[in-house]
Amino acid sequence: MGRQHGAAAPRSRARSAGAGSPVTLTGRGGIVVMFAVGVLCGLLSRWFEVPLLAGAGFAIGCALAAFATRPADLLTLVVSPPLVFFAATVIVVFATALGDGSLLRGVTVGVLTALAATAPWLFFGTLLVLVICLARGLMTNVRELRDKLAGMRLFEKEENENPVRWDESPVTTGERRLHHGEVD
């Protein structure tokens, strides 16, 4: 009986630890969620000609990723939205520009137009990720990173930074010969 009770205890602890959030993503997983939702909503926006869908979908993907990413990876997630937004936009424009004449011109004009039209959504999605992650403990990650960097002594001066010692007087040629036992 003792073994059954001991085996059941870790399971109940595991269930109670995961009860707060049913899905926990790594930082990379959160980035994939942002990217996938951004691409899906961007494609739907182009196909149904509803420009609002691309930006709003990206913002929703950002919120989903920020809530589902584990607290230890929030720093990774916070810096990612601009690059994810750009990559998703390029993929969507490339996919929809295939077969429309000049691919290079279509992608270039399409990306510039899409970025200009949806830039406010990029800023909103980035701000949304930042606010949610701050509420979930982002500052703890920043402090831990700062402590790790300070522990590595990256910004401290080295002891042998300048090998020239200014407190010693220069040795003349005569003194050097005398020191080495040479006679004129």
Protein backbone atom coordinates (compact mmCIF):
# COMPACT_ATOMS: atom_id res chain seq x y z
CA MET A 1 0.00 0.00 0.00
CA GLY A 2 2.84 2.39 0.78
CA ARG A 3 4.16 2.10 -2.75
CA GLN A 4 0.81 2.94 -4.30
CA HIS A 5 0.47 6.03 -2.15
CA GLY A 6 4.04 7.14 -3.00
CA ALA A 7 3.43 6.61 -6.72
CA ALA A 8 0.20 8.60 -6.69
CA ALA A 9 1.72 11.63 -4.99
CA PRO A 10 4.01 12.69 -7.87
CA ARG A 11 1.16 12.39 -10.34
CA SER A 12 -1.07 14.67 -8.28
CA ARG A 13 1.78 17.19 -7.92
CA ALA A 14 2.37 17.07 -11.67
CA ARG A 15 -1.30 17.69 -12.33
CA SER A 16 -1.46 20.59 -9.89
CA ALA A 17 1.71 22.16 -11.32
CA GLY A 18 0.30 22.06 -14.85
CA ALA A 19 -3.19 23.15 -13.80
CA GLY A 20 -2.34 26.87 -14.22
CA SER A 21 -1.75 26.63 -17.96
CA PRO A 22 -2.79 23.62 -20.02
CA VAL A 23 -0.23 24.37 -22.78
CA THR A 24 3.30 25.52 -22.15
CA LEU A 25 5.51 26.44 -25.07
CA THR A 26 9.22 27.06 -25.27
CA GLY A 27 10.41 30.38 -26.69
CA ARG A 28 10.83 28.77 -30.09
CA GLY A 29 7.35 27.30 -29.87
CA GLY A 30 5.92 30.73 -29.11
CA ILE A 31 7.72 32.16 -32.13
CA VAL A 32 6.30 29.36 -34.30
CA VAL A 33 2.79 30.15 -33.02
CA MET A 34 3.20 33.85 -33.88
CA PHE A 35 4.56 32.95 -37.32
CA ALA A 36 1.91 30.33 -38.13
CA VAL A 37 -1.01 32.53 -37.08
CA GLY A 38 0.52 35.49 -38.93
CA VAL A 39 0.94 33.50 -42.15
CA LEU A 40 -2.51 31.88 -41.92
CA CYS A 41 -4.28 35.16 -41.27
CA GLY A 42 -2.19 36.93 -43.91
CA LEU A 43 -3.17 34.37 -46.53
CA LEU A 44 -6.82 34.55 -45.52
CA SER A 45 -6.61 38.33 -45.68
CA ARG A 46 -5.30 38.22 -49.25
CA TRP A 47 -7.74 35.55 -50.44
CA PHE A 48 -10.84 37.18 -48.92
CA GLU A 49 -9.59 40.75 -49.50
CA VAL A 50 -10.00 41.75 -45.85
CA PRO A 51 -6.82 43.71 -44.97
CA LEU A 52 -7.79 43.98 -41.30
CA LEU A 53 -7.49 40.20 -40.92
CA ALA A 54 -3.72 40.13 -41.48
CA GLY A 55 -2.85 42.61 -38.74
CA ALA A 56 -5.48 41.48 -36.27
CA GLY A 57 -4.46 37.87 -36.80
CA PHE A 58 -0.83 38.71 -36.08
CA ALA A 59 -1.84 40.51 -32.87
CA ILE A 60 -3.92 37.49 -31.81
CA GLY A 61 -0.97 35.19 -32.53
CA CYS A 62 1.25 37.45 -30.41
CA ALA A 63 -1.18 37.30 -27.50
CA LEU A 64 -1.54 33.52 -27.76
CA ALA A 65 2.22 33.07 -27.80
CA ALA A 66 2.76 35.44 -24.87
CA PHE A 67 0.22 33.63 -22.70
CA ALA A 68 1.34 30.11 -23.65
CA THR A 69 5.15 30.51 -23.48
CA ARG A 70 6.84 29.30 -20.30
CA PRO A 71 8.12 32.08 -18.05
CA ALA A 72 11.79 31.13 -18.50
CA ASP A 73 11.57 31.90 -22.26
CA LEU A 74 9.73 35.20 -22.17
CA LEU A 75 12.84 37.21 -23.03
CA THR A 76 13.25 35.27 -26.26
CA LEU A 77 9.63 35.88 -27.17
CA VAL A 78 9.63 39.61 -26.46
CA VAL A 79 12.35 40.43 -28.98
CA SER A 80 10.87 38.32 -31.79
CA PRO A 81 7.67 39.99 -33.11
CA PRO A 82 9.27 42.38 -35.64
CA LEU A 83 11.30 39.65 -37.33
CA VAL A 84 8.40 37.19 -37.22
CA PHE A 85 6.08 39.81 -38.71
CA PHE A 86 8.53 40.55 -41.53
CA ALA A 87 9.09 36.85 -42.29
CA ALA A 88 5.36 36.10 -42.29
CA THR A 89 4.70 39.06 -44.58
CA VAL A 90 7.39 37.96 -47.05
CA ILE A 91 6.03 34.39 -47.12
CA VAL A 92 2.44 35.54 -47.65
CA VAL A 93 3.38 37.99 -50.40
CA PHE A 94 5.62 35.42 -52.11
CA ALA A 95 2.88 32.77 -52.01
CA THR A 96 0.26 35.12 -53.42
CA ALA A 97 2.58 36.68 -56.04
CA LEU A 98 3.40 33.36 -57.74
CA GLY A 99 2.11 33.37 -61.31
CA ASP A 100 1.39 37.12 -61.42
CA GLY A 101 4.04 38.20 -63.94
CA SER A 102 7.37 39.39 -62.59
CA LEU A 103 7.95 37.60 -59.30
CA LEU A 104 10.70 39.95 -58.11
CA ARG A 105 8.63 43.06 -58.77
CA GLY A 106 5.51 41.50 -57.30
CA VAL A 107 7.27 40.44 -54.11
CA THR A 108 9.10 43.75 -53.69
CA VAL A 109 6.04 45.93 -54.23
CA GLY A 110 3.82 43.54 -52.28
CA VAL A 111 6.12 43.41 -49.24
CA LEU A 112 6.57 47.18 -49.13
CA THR A 113 2.83 47.76 -49.53
CA ALA A 114 1.91 45.13 -46.94
CA LEU A 115 4.43 46.46 -44.40
CA ALA A 116 3.19 50.01 -44.88
CA ALA A 117 -0.45 48.97 -44.54
CA THR A 118 0.01 46.76 -41.49
CA ALA A 119 2.77 48.60 -39.58
CA PRO A 120 0.40 49.76 -36.82
CA TRP A 121 -0.50 46.11 -36.20
CA LEU A 122 3.19 45.25 -35.89
CA PHE A 123 3.61 47.90 -33.20
CA PHE A 124 0.42 46.79 -31.45
CA GLY A 125 1.46 43.11 -31.50
CA THR A 126 4.94 43.94 -30.19
CA LEU A 127 3.47 46.11 -27.43
CA LEU A 128 0.94 43.41 -26.59
CA VAL A 129 3.69 40.78 -26.20
CA LEU A 130 5.72 43.17 -24.05
CA VAL A 131 2.85 44.02 -21.71
CA ILE A 132 1.73 40.41 -21.29
CA CYS A 133 5.29 39.20 -20.71
CA LEU A 134 5.96 41.96 -18.18
CA ALA A 135 2.91 40.80 -16.26
CA ARG A 136 4.11 37.19 -16.45
CA GLY A 137 7.61 37.83 -15.06
CA LEU A 138 9.82 39.22 -17.81
CA MET A 139 11.78 41.38 -15.36
CA THR A 140 12.95 38.24 -13.55
CA ASN A 141 14.47 37.00 -16.82
CA VAL A 142 16.16 40.36 -17.37
CA ARG A 143 17.64 40.29 -13.85
CA GLU A 144 18.89 36.73 -14.32
CA LEU A 145 20.54 37.66 -17.62
CA ARG A 146 22.15 40.71 -16.05
CA ASP A 147 23.48 38.58 -13.17
CA LYS A 148 24.89 36.00 -15.58
CA LEU A 149 26.62 38.70 -17.59
CA ALA A 150 28.04 40.29 -14.46
CA GLY A 151 29.28 36.89 -13.31
CA MET A 152 31.15 36.43 -16.55
CA ARG A 153 33.11 39.66 -15.91
CA LEU A 154 32.48 40.88 -19.41
CA PHE A 155 32.52 44.53 -18.49
CA GLU A 156 35.28 44.58 -15.90
CA LYS A 157 38.81 45.73 -16.70
CA GLU A 158 41.43 43.06 -17.04
CA GLU A 159 44.35 43.05 -14.61
CA ASN A 160 46.90 42.98 -17.43
CA GLU A 161 45.07 45.43 -19.64
CA ASN A 162 48.17 47.60 -20.17
CA PRO A 163 51.42 45.62 -19.96
CA VAL A 164 53.55 48.79 -19.84
CA ARG A 165 54.33 49.79 -16.27
CA TRP A 166 54.74 53.53 -16.04
CA ASP A 167 56.11 53.45 -12.50
CA GLU A 168 59.38 51.84 -13.64
CA SER A 169 62.09 53.95 -15.21
CA PRO A 170 63.32 52.93 -18.68
CA VAL A 171 66.52 50.89 -18.80
CA THR A 172 69.39 52.38 -20.84
CA THR A 173 71.69 50.33 -23.04
CA GLY A 174 74.57 50.71 -20.56
CA GLU A 175 72.49 49.50 -17.65
CA ARG A 176 71.30 46.53 -19.70
CA ARG A 177 74.91 45.49 -20.49
CA LEU A 178 75.90 45.91 -16.89
CA HIS A 179 72.95 43.83 -15.78
CA HIS A 180 73.81 41.00 -18.20
CA GLY A 181 77.49 41.01 -17.21
CA GLU A 182 78.84 42.51 -20.42
CA VAL A 183 81.91 44.76 -20.23
CA ASP A 184 82.95 47.42 -22.77
